[in-house]
Amino acid sequence: MKSFVHVHARSVNEATELLAAYKGEAKLNAGGTDLLAVLKDRILPDYPKAIINIKSIPGLNTLYEEEDGVVVGALTTLTDLIKHLAQSYPLLKEAAMAVASPQIRNIATIGGNLCQDTRCWYYRYPDEIGGRLNCFRKGGRTCPAVAGENRYHAIMGGKQCYAVCPSDTAIALTALGATLRIAGTKGTRTLSIEEFFTPLGNVLASDEMITAIYIPKPSAAARQNFLKFTLRKPIDFGIVSAASLMTLEKGVCTAARIVLGAVAPTPVRALKAEEFLRGKEVTEETAAEAAALALEGAKPLSKNTYKLEIAKTLVKRVVNGS
């Protein structure tokens, strides 16, 4: 790695002020499970001048109950998330359990999982192997995946970049209707998970950081499900994932949130499927129709049409609770 300045921030204000002072040439570091790999491989056109350690900020790794939900500090590790929220939020527990290995979950944070960089192999192509590939996301003019090796790329929402959102917890949190608390030098703001992600990453300004996630408490009648398809169960990033939060009364759906992961640059709400299910009895037939609606409008690339059937199968299963 190249040399850089390393600073231990003692408060959120100090961290955001340092980010502002470096004018986009600094990176935050928490668990470091993604950032250090990015730095070692030198995949980015510009190397950061400073790394700001935010593990030194007290209070960002706590969880506490509010009247209608739970607040999770951005530095909460995935292991602690699993341990403390397994009973009330099994959907989030399953998504966090699907991330990497126990060793990584012990140090990886929920904030870092949401902010991790894309895993596209063109974007991640190491600098030392023939020079980096300047794809659209790195300032180039095209996405090499469109005409290249695109078996794991987007089948929905891809335009200038077809890399998929790599965060499992983002899919679960979208289904749960979570919001993010974000701090910057100009103050704080609150955004839904859906507002946070963009086709090229996220909306964080160069002086901003996530401080906490608020997760509303689901009703006692809500049914939560998360499924992820990978080639190898441990470690792998998802080929497709799906999450659902559904409320049923005597087998009839009264409310639903269905989200697809690893099919687009952002988490994808299956709004047509949700609308279709409301007021209907959940059966094999209605679940299958909801799955078809969830993938309506998908436009696979040359080598990832197979994702369609996997996605439909996962949606059908999370709707059925199987």
C-alpha atoms as a PDB file:
ATOM      1  CA  MET A   1       0.000   0.000   0.000  1.00  0.00           C
ATOM      2  CA  LYS A   2       1.020   3.605  -0.451  1.00  0.00           C
ATOM      3  CA  SER A   3       1.666   5.666   2.658  1.00  0.00           C
ATOM      4  CA  PHE A   4      -1.148   7.711   4.174  1.00  0.00           C
ATOM      5  CA  VAL A   5      -1.965   9.763   7.254  1.00  0.00           C
ATOM      6  CA  HIS A   6      -3.802   7.772   9.929  1.00  0.00           C
ATOM      7  CA  VAL A   7      -6.030   9.628  12.388  1.00  0.00           C
ATOM      8  CA  HIS A   8      -8.022   8.367  15.370  1.00  0.00           C
ATOM      9  CA  ALA A   9     -11.253  10.389  15.438  1.00  0.00           C
ATOM     10  CA  ARG A  10     -12.637  10.967  18.940  1.00  0.00           C
ATOM     11  CA  SER A  11     -16.098  12.181  17.934  1.00  0.00           C
ATOM     12  CA  VAL A  12     -18.480  12.240  14.993  1.00  0.00           C
ATOM     13  CA  ASN A  13     -17.857  15.974  14.624  1.00  0.00           C
ATOM     14  CA  GLU A  14     -14.104  15.424  14.444  1.00  0.00           C
ATOM     15  CA  ALA A  15     -14.505  12.662  11.848  1.00  0.00           C
ATOM     16  CA  THR A  16     -16.749  14.738   9.584  1.00  0.00           C
ATOM     17  CA  GLU A  17     -14.528  17.806   9.936  1.00  0.00           C
ATOM     18  CA  LEU A  18     -11.517  15.734   8.925  1.00  0.00           C
ATOM     19  CA  LEU A  19     -13.411  14.399   5.917  1.00  0.00           C
ATOM     20  CA  ALA A  20     -14.268  17.959   4.924  1.00  0.00           C
ATOM     21  CA  ALA A  21     -10.685  19.135   5.439  1.00  0.00           C
ATOM     22  CA  TYR A  22      -9.333  16.462   3.097  1.00  0.00           C
ATOM     23  CA  LYS A  23     -11.948  17.372   0.436  1.00  0.00           C
ATOM     24  CA  GLY A  24     -12.773  13.844  -0.664  1.00  0.00           C
ATOM     25  CA  GLU A  25      -9.245  12.520  -0.281  1.00  0.00           C
ATOM     26  CA  ALA A  26      -9.866  10.672   2.994  1.00  0.00           C
ATOM     27  CA  LYS A  27     -11.593   7.394   3.815  1.00  0.00           C
ATOM     28  CA  LEU A  28     -13.287   6.207   6.986  1.00  0.00           C
ATOM     29  CA  ASN A  29     -12.175   2.910   8.461  1.00  0.00           C
ATOM     30  CA  ALA A  30     -14.174   0.757  10.872  1.00  0.00           C
ATOM     31  CA  GLY A  31     -13.750  -3.016  10.527  1.00  0.00           C
ATOM     32  CA  GLY A  32     -11.650  -2.515   7.396  1.00  0.00           C
ATOM     33  CA  THR A  33     -12.701  -5.811   5.802  1.00  0.00           C
ATOM     34  CA  ASP A  34     -13.457  -4.091   2.490  1.00  0.00           C
ATOM     35  CA  LEU A  35     -11.348  -0.919   2.610  1.00  0.00           C
ATOM     36  CA  LEU A  36      -7.994  -2.611   3.215  1.00  0.00           C
ATOM     37  CA  ALA A  37      -8.468  -4.922   0.231  1.00  0.00           C
ATOM     38  CA  VAL A  38      -9.310  -1.921  -1.954  1.00  0.00           C
ATOM     39  CA  LEU A  39      -6.155  -0.130  -0.804  1.00  0.00           C
ATOM     40  CA  LYS A  40      -3.871  -3.141  -1.176  1.00  0.00           C
ATOM     41  CA  ASP A  41      -5.033  -3.840  -4.734  1.00  0.00           C
ATOM     42  CA  ARG A  42      -4.949  -0.143  -5.675  1.00  0.00           C
ATOM     43  CA  ILE A  43      -8.130  -0.480  -7.683  1.00  0.00           C
ATOM     44  CA  LEU A  44      -9.128   3.186  -7.408  1.00  0.00           C
ATOM     45  CA  PRO A  45      -7.759   5.945  -9.659  1.00  0.00           C
ATOM     46  CA  ASP A  46      -7.025   8.179  -6.653  1.00  0.00           C
ATOM     47  CA  TYR A  47      -5.422   6.882  -3.475  1.00  0.00           C
ATOM     48  CA  PRO A  48      -6.638   8.465  -0.197  1.00  0.00           C
ATOM     49  CA  LYS A  49      -4.282  10.831   1.577  1.00  0.00           C
ATOM     50  CA  ALA A  50      -5.743   9.954   4.970  1.00  0.00           C
ATOM     51  CA  ILE A  51      -7.505   7.082   6.709  1.00  0.00           C
ATOM     52  CA  ILE A  52      -9.761   8.150   9.578  1.00  0.00           C
ATOM     53  CA  ASN A  53     -10.279   5.483  12.209  1.00  0.00           C
ATOM     54  CA  ILE A  54     -13.818   5.769  13.608  1.00  0.00           C
ATOM     55  CA  LYS A  55     -13.593   2.760  15.946  1.00  0.00           C
ATOM     56  CA  SER A  56     -12.202   5.249  18.462  1.00  0.00           C
ATOM     57  CA  ILE A  57     -15.520   7.152  18.595  1.00  0.00           C
ATOM     58  CA  PRO A  58     -17.431   6.132  21.742  1.00  0.00           C
ATOM     59  CA  GLY A  59     -21.093   5.133  21.530  1.00  0.00           C
ATOM     60  CA  LEU A  60     -21.307   4.169  17.862  1.00  0.00           C
ATOM     61  CA  ASN A  61     -21.359   0.434  18.617  1.00  0.00           C
ATOM     62  CA  THR A  62     -24.418   0.404  20.889  1.00  0.00           C
ATOM     63  CA  LEU A  63     -27.944  -0.904  20.362  1.00  0.00           C
ATOM     64  CA  TYR A  64     -30.903   0.464  22.253  1.00  0.00           C
ATOM     65  CA  GLU A  65     -34.659   0.166  22.141  1.00  0.00           C
ATOM     66  CA  GLU A  66     -36.945   3.044  21.312  1.00  0.00           C
ATOM     67  CA  GLU A  67     -40.721   2.996  21.673  1.00  0.00           C
ATOM     68  CA  ASP A  68     -41.447   1.636  18.212  1.00  0.00           C
ATOM     69  CA  GLY A  69     -38.157   0.105  17.155  1.00  0.00           C
ATOM     70  CA  VAL A  70     -34.456  -0.304  17.729  1.00  0.00           C
ATOM     71  CA  VAL A  71     -31.491   1.970  17.049  1.00  0.00           C
ATOM     72  CA  VAL A  72     -28.324   0.217  15.911  1.00  0.00           C
ATOM     73  CA  GLY A  73     -25.038   2.122  16.043  1.00  0.00           C
ATOM     74  CA  ALA A  74     -23.125   2.106  12.762  1.00  0.00           C
ATOM     75  CA  LEU A  75     -20.118   0.416  14.419  1.00  0.00           C
ATOM     76  CA  THR A  76     -22.162  -2.532  15.700  1.00  0.00           C
ATOM     77  CA  THR A  77     -20.522  -5.688  14.408  1.00  0.00           C
ATOM     78  CA  LEU A  78     -22.541  -8.190  12.442  1.00  0.00           C
ATOM     79  CA  THR A  79     -21.916 -10.744  15.191  1.00  0.00           C
ATOM     80  CA  ASP A  80     -23.450  -8.450  17.813  1.00  0.00           C
ATOM     81  CA  LEU A  81     -26.327  -7.685  15.450  1.00  0.00           C
ATOM     82  CA  ILE A  82     -27.063 -11.396  15.145  1.00  0.00           C
ATOM     83  CA  LYS A  83     -26.753 -11.954  18.885  1.00  0.00           C
ATOM     84  CA  HIS A  84     -29.029  -9.123  20.025  1.00  0.00           C
ATOM     85  CA  LEU A  85     -31.660  -8.932  17.264  1.00  0.00           C
ATOM     86  CA  ALA A  86     -32.205 -12.584  16.395  1.00  0.00           C
ATOM     87  CA  GLN A  87     -35.542 -12.880  18.170  1.00  0.00           C
ATOM     88  CA  SER A  88     -37.249  -9.651  17.079  1.00  0.00           C
ATOM     89  CA  TYR A  89     -35.682  -9.325  13.637  1.00  0.00           C
ATOM     90  CA  PRO A  90     -35.009 -12.829  12.282  1.00  0.00           C
ATOM     91  CA  LEU A  91     -34.961 -11.414   8.757  1.00  0.00           C
ATOM     92  CA  LEU A  92     -31.984  -9.216   9.591  1.00  0.00           C
ATOM     93  CA  LYS A  93     -30.328 -12.015  11.546  1.00  0.00           C
ATOM     94  CA  GLU A  94     -30.480 -14.337   8.528  1.00  0.00           C
ATOM     95  CA  ALA A  95     -29.083 -11.635   6.235  1.00  0.00           C
ATOM     96  CA  ALA A  96     -26.218 -10.877   8.626  1.00  0.00           C
ATOM     97  CA  MET A  97     -25.504 -14.616   9.022  1.00  0.00           C
ATOM     98  CA  ALA A  98     -25.219 -14.833   5.230  1.00  0.00           C
ATOM     99  CA  VAL A  99     -22.280 -12.409   5.209  1.00  0.00           C
ATOM    100  CA  ALA A 100     -18.857 -13.981   4.761  1.00  0.00           C
ATOM    101  CA  SER A 101     -17.414 -16.010   7.666  1.00  0.00           C
ATOM    102  CA  PRO A 102     -17.601 -15.834  11.498  1.00  0.00           C
ATOM    103  CA  GLN A 103     -14.146 -14.262  11.597  1.00  0.00           C
ATOM    104  CA  ILE A 104     -15.213 -11.468   9.260  1.00  0.00           C
ATOM    105  CA  ARG A 105     -18.578 -10.968  10.995  1.00  0.00           C
ATOM    106  CA  ASN A 106     -16.712 -10.487  14.271  1.00  0.00           C
ATOM    107  CA  ILE A 107     -15.060  -7.312  12.958  1.00  0.00           C
ATOM    108  CA  ALA A 108     -17.273  -6.159  10.062  1.00  0.00           C
ATOM    109  CA  THR A 109     -19.747  -3.427  11.022  1.00  0.00           C
ATOM    110  CA  ILE A 110     -23.310  -2.813   9.892  1.00  0.00           C
ATOM    111  CA  GLY A 111     -22.350   0.661   8.639  1.00  0.00           C
ATOM    112  CA  GLY A 112     -19.455  -0.774   6.679  1.00  0.00           C
ATOM    113  CA  ASN A 113     -21.622  -3.496   5.177  1.00  0.00           C
ATOM    114  CA  LEU A 114     -23.976  -0.851   3.833  1.00  0.00           C
ATOM    115  CA  CYS A 115     -21.151   1.334   2.490  1.00  0.00           C
ATOM    116  CA  GLN A 116     -18.909  -1.378   1.027  1.00  0.00           C
ATOM    117  CA  ASP A 117     -17.686  -0.908  -2.508  1.00  0.00           C
ATOM    118  CA  THR A 118     -18.989  -2.973  -5.410  1.00  0.00           C
ATOM    119  CA  ARG A 119     -17.541  -6.430  -6.060  1.00  0.00           C
ATOM    120  CA  CYS A 120     -17.620  -6.221  -9.876  1.00  0.00           C
ATOM    121  CA  TRP A 121     -14.506  -7.953 -11.164  1.00  0.00           C
ATOM    122  CA  TYR A 122     -13.871  -5.244 -13.776  1.00  0.00           C
ATOM    123  CA  TYR A 123     -14.050  -2.543 -11.108  1.00  0.00           C
ATOM    124  CA  ARG A 124     -11.884  -4.634  -8.745  1.00  0.00           C
ATOM    125  CA  TYR A 125      -9.259  -5.531 -11.334  1.00  0.00           C
ATOM    126  CA  PRO A 126      -5.924  -5.055  -9.479  1.00  0.00           C
ATOM    127  CA  ASP A 127      -3.576  -2.324 -10.622  1.00  0.00           C
ATOM    128  CA  GLU A 128      -0.531  -4.595 -10.654  1.00  0.00           C
ATOM    129  CA  ILE A 129      -2.013  -7.026 -13.204  1.00  0.00           C
ATOM    130  CA  GLY A 130      -1.659  -5.036 -16.390  1.00  0.00           C
ATOM    131  CA  GLY A 131      -3.129  -1.809 -15.036  1.00  0.00           C
ATOM    132  CA  ARG A 132      -6.599  -1.022 -13.694  1.00  0.00           C
ATOM    133  CA  LEU A 133      -9.665  -1.045 -15.921  1.00  0.00           C
ATOM    134  CA  ASN A 134     -11.326   2.353 -15.998  1.00  0.00           C
ATOM    135  CA  CYS A 135     -14.946   1.311 -16.141  1.00  0.00           C
ATOM    136  CA  PHE A 136     -17.796   3.838 -16.052  1.00  0.00           C
ATOM    137  CA  ARG A 137     -17.867   3.819 -12.244  1.00  0.00           C
ATOM    138  CA  LYS A 138     -14.181   4.818 -12.192  1.00  0.00           C
ATOM    139  CA  GLY A 139     -14.470   7.615 -14.725  1.00  0.00           C
ATOM    140  CA  GLY A 140     -14.473   5.627 -17.951  1.00  0.00           C
ATOM    141  CA  ARG A 141     -17.071   5.821 -20.694  1.00  0.00           C
ATOM    142  CA  THR A 142     -18.407   2.270 -20.748  1.00  0.00           C
ATOM    143  CA  CYS A 143     -19.262  -0.713 -18.554  1.00  0.00           C
ATOM    144  CA  PRO A 144     -17.067  -3.610 -19.754  1.00  0.00           C
ATOM    145  CA  ALA A 145     -19.578  -6.116 -18.379  1.00  0.00           C
ATOM    146  CA  VAL A 146     -22.137  -5.278 -21.075  1.00  0.00           C
ATOM    147  CA  ALA A 147     -20.102  -6.972 -23.796  1.00  0.00           C
ATOM    148  CA  GLY A 148     -17.914  -9.021 -21.482  1.00  0.00           C
ATOM    149  CA  GLU A 149     -18.158 -11.562 -18.667  1.00  0.00           C
ATOM    150  CA  ASN A 150     -21.435 -10.593 -17.032  1.00  0.00           C
ATOM    151  CA  ARG A 151     -22.760 -13.763 -15.416  1.00  0.00           C
ATOM    152  CA  TYR A 152     -23.050 -12.109 -11.960  1.00  0.00           C
ATOM    153  CA  HIS A 153     -24.118  -8.640 -13.069  1.00  0.00           C
ATOM    154  CA  ALA A 154     -27.426  -6.775 -13.004  1.00  0.00           C
ATOM    155  CA  ILE A 155     -30.581  -7.945 -14.727  1.00  0.00           C
ATOM    156  CA  MET A 156     -32.546  -4.899 -13.566  1.00  0.00           C
ATOM    157  CA  GLY A 157     -31.766  -1.207 -13.220  1.00  0.00           C
ATOM    158  CA  GLY A 158     -28.471  -1.332 -15.071  1.00  0.00           C
ATOM    159  CA  LYS A 159     -27.743   1.590 -17.395  1.00  0.00           C
ATOM    160  CA  GLN A 160     -24.243   3.013 -17.300  1.00  0.00           C
ATOM    161  CA  CYS A 161     -23.024   0.491 -14.697  1.00  0.00           C
ATOM    162  CA  TYR A 162     -24.228  -3.090 -14.253  1.00  0.00           C
ATOM    163  CA  ALA A 163     -22.480  -3.913 -10.972  1.00  0.00           C
ATOM    164  CA  VAL A 164     -24.890  -5.200  -8.312  1.00  0.00           C
ATOM    165  CA  CYS A 165     -25.360  -3.979  -4.744  1.00  0.00           C
ATOM    166  CA  PRO A 166     -23.206  -6.366  -2.651  1.00  0.00           C
ATOM    167  CA  SER A 167     -24.809  -5.738   0.768  1.00  0.00           C
ATOM    168  CA  ASP A 168     -26.964  -8.518   2.222  1.00  0.00           C
ATOM    169  CA  THR A 169     -28.035  -6.412   5.183  1.00  0.00           C
ATOM    170  CA  ALA A 170     -29.237  -3.648   2.844  1.00  0.00           C
ATOM    171  CA  ILE A 171     -31.800  -6.044   1.386  1.00  0.00           C
ATOM    172  CA  ALA A 172     -33.091  -7.041   4.811  1.00  0.00           C
ATOM    173  CA  LEU A 173     -33.150  -3.470   6.102  1.00  0.00           C
ATOM    174  CA  THR A 174     -35.079  -2.306   3.033  1.00  0.00           C
ATOM    175  CA  ALA A 175     -37.703  -4.960   3.682  1.00  0.00           C
ATOM    176  CA  LEU A 176     -37.894  -3.847   7.326  1.00  0.00           C
ATOM    177  CA  GLY A 177     -38.372  -0.193   6.328  1.00  0.00           C
ATOM    178  CA  ALA A 178     -35.211   0.964   8.114  1.00  0.00           C
ATOM    179  CA  THR A 179     -33.847   4.497   8.019  1.00  0.00           C
ATOM    180  CA  LEU A 180     -30.294   5.776   8.284  1.00  0.00           C
ATOM    181  CA  ARG A 181     -29.073   8.589  10.509  1.00  0.00           C
ATOM    182  CA  ILE A 182     -26.334  10.481   8.695  1.00  0.00           C
ATOM    183  CA  ALA A 183     -24.026  13.177  10.069  1.00  0.00           C
ATOM    184  CA  GLY A 184     -21.984  15.784   8.213  1.00  0.00           C
ATOM    185  CA  THR A 185     -20.424  19.169   8.798  1.00  0.00           C
ATOM    186  CA  LYS A 186     -23.695  20.851   7.789  1.00  0.00           C
ATOM    187  CA  GLY A 187     -25.780  18.874  10.284  1.00  0.00           C
ATOM    188  CA  THR A 188     -27.661  15.581  10.344  1.00  0.00           C
ATOM    189  CA  ARG A 189     -30.264  14.009   8.115  1.00  0.00           C
ATOM    190  CA  THR A 190     -32.384  10.864   7.968  1.00  0.00           C
ATOM    191  CA  LEU A 191     -32.852   8.760   4.842  1.00  0.00           C
ATOM    192  CA  SER A 192     -34.590   5.509   4.029  1.00  0.00           C
ATOM    193  CA  ILE A 193     -32.400   2.685   2.760  1.00  0.00           C
ATOM    194  CA  GLU A 194     -34.047   3.101  -0.644  1.00  0.00           C
ATOM    195  CA  GLU A 195     -33.006   6.757  -0.766  1.00  0.00           C
ATOM    196  CA  PHE A 196     -29.448   5.925   0.314  1.00  0.00           C
ATOM    197  CA  PHE A 197     -28.398   3.740  -2.611  1.00  0.00           C
ATOM    198  CA  THR A 198     -27.821   5.016  -6.145  1.00  0.00           C
ATOM    199  CA  PRO A 199     -26.876   3.236  -9.388  1.00  0.00           C
ATOM    200  CA  LEU A 200     -23.252   4.284  -8.757  1.00  0.00           C
ATOM    201  CA  GLY A 201     -22.983   3.741  -5.002  1.00  0.00           C
ATOM    202  CA  ASN A 202     -24.670   5.873  -2.361  1.00  0.00           C
ATOM    203  CA  VAL A 203     -25.647   9.472  -1.622  1.00  0.00           C
ATOM    204  CA  LEU A 204     -23.098  10.221   1.113  1.00  0.00           C
ATOM    205  CA  ALA A 205     -21.373  13.556   0.583  1.00  0.00           C
ATOM    206  CA  SER A 206     -17.586  13.648   1.016  1.00  0.00           C
ATOM    207  CA  ASP A 207     -17.985  14.954   4.595  1.00  0.00           C
ATOM    208  CA  GLU A 208     -20.753  12.579   5.716  1.00  0.00           C
ATOM    209  CA  MET A 209     -20.948   9.284   7.600  1.00  0.00           C
ATOM    210  CA  ILE A 210     -23.656   6.932   8.828  1.00  0.00           C
ATOM    211  CA  THR A 211     -23.996   7.089  12.603  1.00  0.00           C
ATOM    212  CA  ALA A 212     -26.958   4.777  13.236  1.00  0.00           C
ATOM    213  CA  ILE A 213     -29.747   2.718  11.695  1.00  0.00           C
ATOM    214  CA  TYR A 214     -33.308   2.885  13.005  1.00  0.00           C
ATOM    215  CA  ILE A 215     -35.376  -0.266  12.443  1.00  0.00           C
ATOM    216  CA  PRO A 216     -39.127  -0.093  13.099  1.00  0.00           C
ATOM    217  CA  LYS A 217     -40.551  -2.910  15.175  1.00  0.00           C
ATOM    218  CA  PRO A 218     -42.599  -5.271  12.970  1.00  0.00           C
ATOM    219  CA  SER A 219     -46.055  -6.234  14.163  1.00  0.00           C
ATOM    220  CA  ALA A 220     -46.365  -9.480  16.076  1.00  0.00           C
ATOM    221  CA  ALA A 221     -48.288 -10.898  13.120  1.00  0.00           C
ATOM    222  CA  ALA A 222     -45.545 -10.106  10.602  1.00  0.00           C
ATOM    223  CA  ARG A 223     -43.736 -12.972   8.916  1.00  0.00           C
ATOM    224  CA  GLN A 224     -40.069 -12.344   8.064  1.00  0.00           C
ATOM    225  CA  ASN A 225     -37.983 -14.273   5.534  1.00  0.00           C
ATOM    226  CA  PHE A 226     -34.583 -13.922   3.873  1.00  0.00           C
ATOM    227  CA  LEU A 227     -33.035 -16.263   1.311  1.00  0.00           C
ATOM    228  CA  LYS A 228     -29.761 -16.038  -0.576  1.00  0.00           C
ATOM    229  CA  PHE A 229     -28.509 -18.164  -3.443  1.00  0.00           C
ATOM    230  CA  THR A 230     -24.759 -18.678  -3.816  1.00  0.00           C
ATOM    231  CA  LEU A 231     -22.545 -21.241  -5.524  1.00  0.00           C
ATOM    232  CA  ARG A 232     -20.824 -21.989  -2.218  1.00  0.00           C
ATOM    233  CA  LYS A 233     -22.853 -21.412   0.932  1.00  0.00           C
ATOM    234  CA  PRO A 234     -20.034 -19.997   3.099  1.00  0.00           C
ATOM    235  CA  ILE A 235     -18.211 -16.780   2.210  1.00  0.00           C
ATOM    236  CA  ASP A 236     -19.742 -16.047  -1.207  1.00  0.00           C
ATOM    237  CA  PHE A 237     -21.503 -12.882  -2.235  1.00  0.00           C
ATOM    238  CA  GLY A 238     -25.035 -13.549  -3.424  1.00  0.00           C
ATOM    239  CA  ILE A 239     -25.997 -14.406  -6.973  1.00  0.00           C
ATOM    240  CA  VAL A 240     -29.569 -13.515  -6.011  1.00  0.00           C
ATOM    241  CA  SER A 241     -31.197 -12.794  -2.657  1.00  0.00           C
ATOM    242  CA  ALA A 242     -34.741 -12.017  -1.569  1.00  0.00           C
ATOM    243  CA  ALA A 243     -36.350 -10.702   1.602  1.00  0.00           C
ATOM    244  CA  SER A 244     -39.962 -10.310   2.659  1.00  0.00           C
ATOM    245  CA  LEU A 245     -41.907  -8.798   5.532  1.00  0.00           C
ATOM    246  CA  MET A 246     -45.536  -9.875   5.324  1.00  0.00           C
ATOM    247  CA  THR A 247     -48.544  -9.529   7.580  1.00  0.00           C
ATOM    248  CA  LEU A 248     -51.183 -12.230   7.234  1.00  0.00           C
ATOM    249  CA  GLU A 249     -54.636 -12.484   8.734  1.00  0.00           C
ATOM    250  CA  LYS A 250     -56.195 -15.927   8.367  1.00  0.00           C
ATOM    251  CA  GLY A 251     -53.905 -16.608   5.435  1.00  0.00           C
ATOM    252  CA  VAL A 252     -54.729 -13.343   3.659  1.00  0.00           C
ATOM    253  CA  CYS A 253     -51.963 -10.807   3.054  1.00  0.00           C
ATOM    254  CA  THR A 254     -52.758  -7.396   4.521  1.00  0.00           C
ATOM    255  CA  ALA A 255     -49.306  -5.829   4.054  1.00  0.00           C
ATOM    256  CA  ALA A 256     -46.125  -6.824   2.246  1.00  0.00           C
ATOM    257  CA  ARG A 257     -42.623  -5.581   1.543  1.00  0.00           C
ATOM    258  CA  ILE A 258     -40.608  -7.706  -0.882  1.00  0.00           C
ATOM    259  CA  VAL A 259     -37.022  -6.859  -1.850  1.00  0.00           C
ATOM    260  CA  LEU A 260     -34.578  -8.396  -4.311  1.00  0.00           C
ATOM    261  CA  GLY A 261     -30.808  -8.298  -3.932  1.00  0.00           C
ATOM    262  CA  ALA A 262     -27.845  -8.902  -6.269  1.00  0.00           C
ATOM    263  CA  VAL A 263     -30.024  -8.272  -9.331  1.00  0.00           C
ATOM    264  CA  ALA A 264     -29.463  -4.509  -9.649  1.00  0.00           C
ATOM    265  CA  PRO A 265     -27.069  -1.749  -8.570  1.00  0.00           C
ATOM    266  CA  THR A 266     -29.471  -1.026  -5.677  1.00  0.00           C
ATOM    267  CA  PRO A 267     -31.887  -3.063  -3.550  1.00  0.00           C
ATOM    268  CA  VAL A 268     -35.085  -3.531  -5.585  1.00  0.00           C
ATOM    269  CA  ARG A 269     -38.558  -3.235  -4.069  1.00  0.00           C
ATOM    270  CA  ALA A 270     -40.999  -5.520  -5.865  1.00  0.00           C
ATOM    271  CA  LEU A 271     -43.800  -2.955  -5.730  1.00  0.00           C
ATOM    272  CA  LYS A 272     -46.084  -4.651  -8.252  1.00  0.00           C
ATOM    273  CA  ALA A 273     -45.785  -7.949  -6.391  1.00  0.00           C
ATOM    274  CA  GLU A 274     -46.540  -6.231  -3.073  1.00  0.00           C
ATOM    275  CA  GLU A 275     -49.633  -4.550  -4.492  1.00  0.00           C
ATOM    276  CA  PHE A 276     -50.827  -7.777  -6.084  1.00  0.00           C
ATOM    277  CA  LEU A 277     -50.553  -9.739  -2.824  1.00  0.00           C
ATOM    278  CA  ARG A 278     -52.462  -7.298  -0.638  1.00  0.00           C
ATOM    279  CA  GLY A 279     -55.938  -8.656   0.061  1.00  0.00           C
ATOM    280  CA  LYS A 280     -55.183 -12.078  -1.429  1.00  0.00           C
ATOM    281  CA  GLU A 281     -54.778 -15.462   0.189  1.00  0.00           C
ATOM    282  CA  VAL A 282     -51.161 -16.590   0.002  1.00  0.00           C
ATOM    283  CA  THR A 283     -51.068 -19.819  -1.984  1.00  0.00           C
ATOM    284  CA  GLU A 284     -48.621 -21.517  -4.332  1.00  0.00           C
ATOM    285  CA  GLU A 285     -50.414 -19.848  -7.231  1.00  0.00           C
ATOM    286  CA  THR A 286     -50.475 -16.317  -5.834  1.00  0.00           C
ATOM    287  CA  ALA A 287     -46.845 -16.646  -4.704  1.00  0.00           C
ATOM    288  CA  ALA A 288     -45.835 -17.723  -8.216  1.00  0.00           C
ATOM    289  CA  GLU A 289     -47.707 -14.804  -9.770  1.00  0.00           C
ATOM    290  CA  ALA A 290     -46.107 -12.393  -7.310  1.00  0.00           C
ATOM    291  CA  ALA A 291     -42.692 -13.791  -8.267  1.00  0.00           C
ATOM    292  CA  ALA A 292     -43.404 -13.207 -11.951  1.00  0.00           C
ATOM    293  CA  LEU A 293     -44.483  -9.624 -11.229  1.00  0.00           C
ATOM    294  CA  ALA A 294     -41.342  -9.046  -9.150  1.00  0.00           C
ATOM    295  CA  LEU A 295     -39.166  -9.754 -12.210  1.00  0.00           C
ATOM    296  CA  GLU A 296     -41.358  -7.953 -14.713  1.00  0.00           C
ATOM    297  CA  GLY A 297     -39.237  -5.658 -16.863  1.00  0.00           C
ATOM    298  CA  ALA A 298     -35.958  -7.425 -16.130  1.00  0.00           C
ATOM    299  CA  LYS A 299     -33.411  -7.158 -18.938  1.00  0.00           C
ATOM    300  CA  PRO A 300     -30.670  -9.766 -18.527  1.00  0.00           C
ATOM    301  CA  LEU A 301     -27.318  -9.415 -20.217  1.00  0.00           C
ATOM    302  CA  SER A 302     -25.858 -12.082 -22.506  1.00  0.00           C
ATOM    303  CA  LYS A 303     -24.720 -14.496 -19.768  1.00  0.00           C
ATOM    304  CA  ASN A 304     -27.019 -13.933 -16.768  1.00  0.00           C
ATOM    305  CA  THR A 305     -30.506 -14.861 -17.961  1.00  0.00           C
ATOM    306  CA  TYR A 306     -30.336 -17.758 -15.480  1.00  0.00           C
ATOM    307  CA  LYS A 307     -30.755 -15.236 -12.667  1.00  0.00           C
ATOM    308  CA  LEU A 308     -34.395 -14.734 -13.650  1.00  0.00           C
ATOM    309  CA  GLU A 309     -35.544 -18.197 -12.602  1.00  0.00           C
ATOM    310  CA  ILE A 310     -33.452 -18.147  -9.426  1.00  0.00           C
ATOM    311  CA  ALA A 311     -34.952 -14.787  -8.457  1.00  0.00           C
ATOM    312  CA  LYS A 312     -38.494 -15.957  -9.156  1.00  0.00           C
ATOM    313  CA  THR A 313     -37.927 -19.079  -7.075  1.00  0.00           C
ATOM    314  CA  LEU A 314     -36.566 -17.105  -4.131  1.00  0.00           C
ATOM    315  CA  VAL A 315     -39.430 -14.599  -4.236  1.00  0.00           C
ATOM    316  CA  LYS A 316     -41.954 -17.420  -4.324  1.00  0.00           C
ATOM    317  CA  ARG A 317     -40.301 -19.044  -1.304  1.00  0.00           C
ATOM    318  CA  VAL A 318     -40.064 -15.898   0.821  1.00  0.00           C
ATOM    319  CA  VAL A 319     -43.702 -15.106   0.057  1.00  0.00           C
ATOM    320  CA  ASN A 320     -44.773 -18.618   0.994  1.00  0.00           C
ATOM    321  CA  GLY A 321     -42.516 -18.656   4.038  1.00  0.00           C
ATOM    322  CA  SER A 322     -40.853 -21.850   2.853  1.00  0.00           C
END
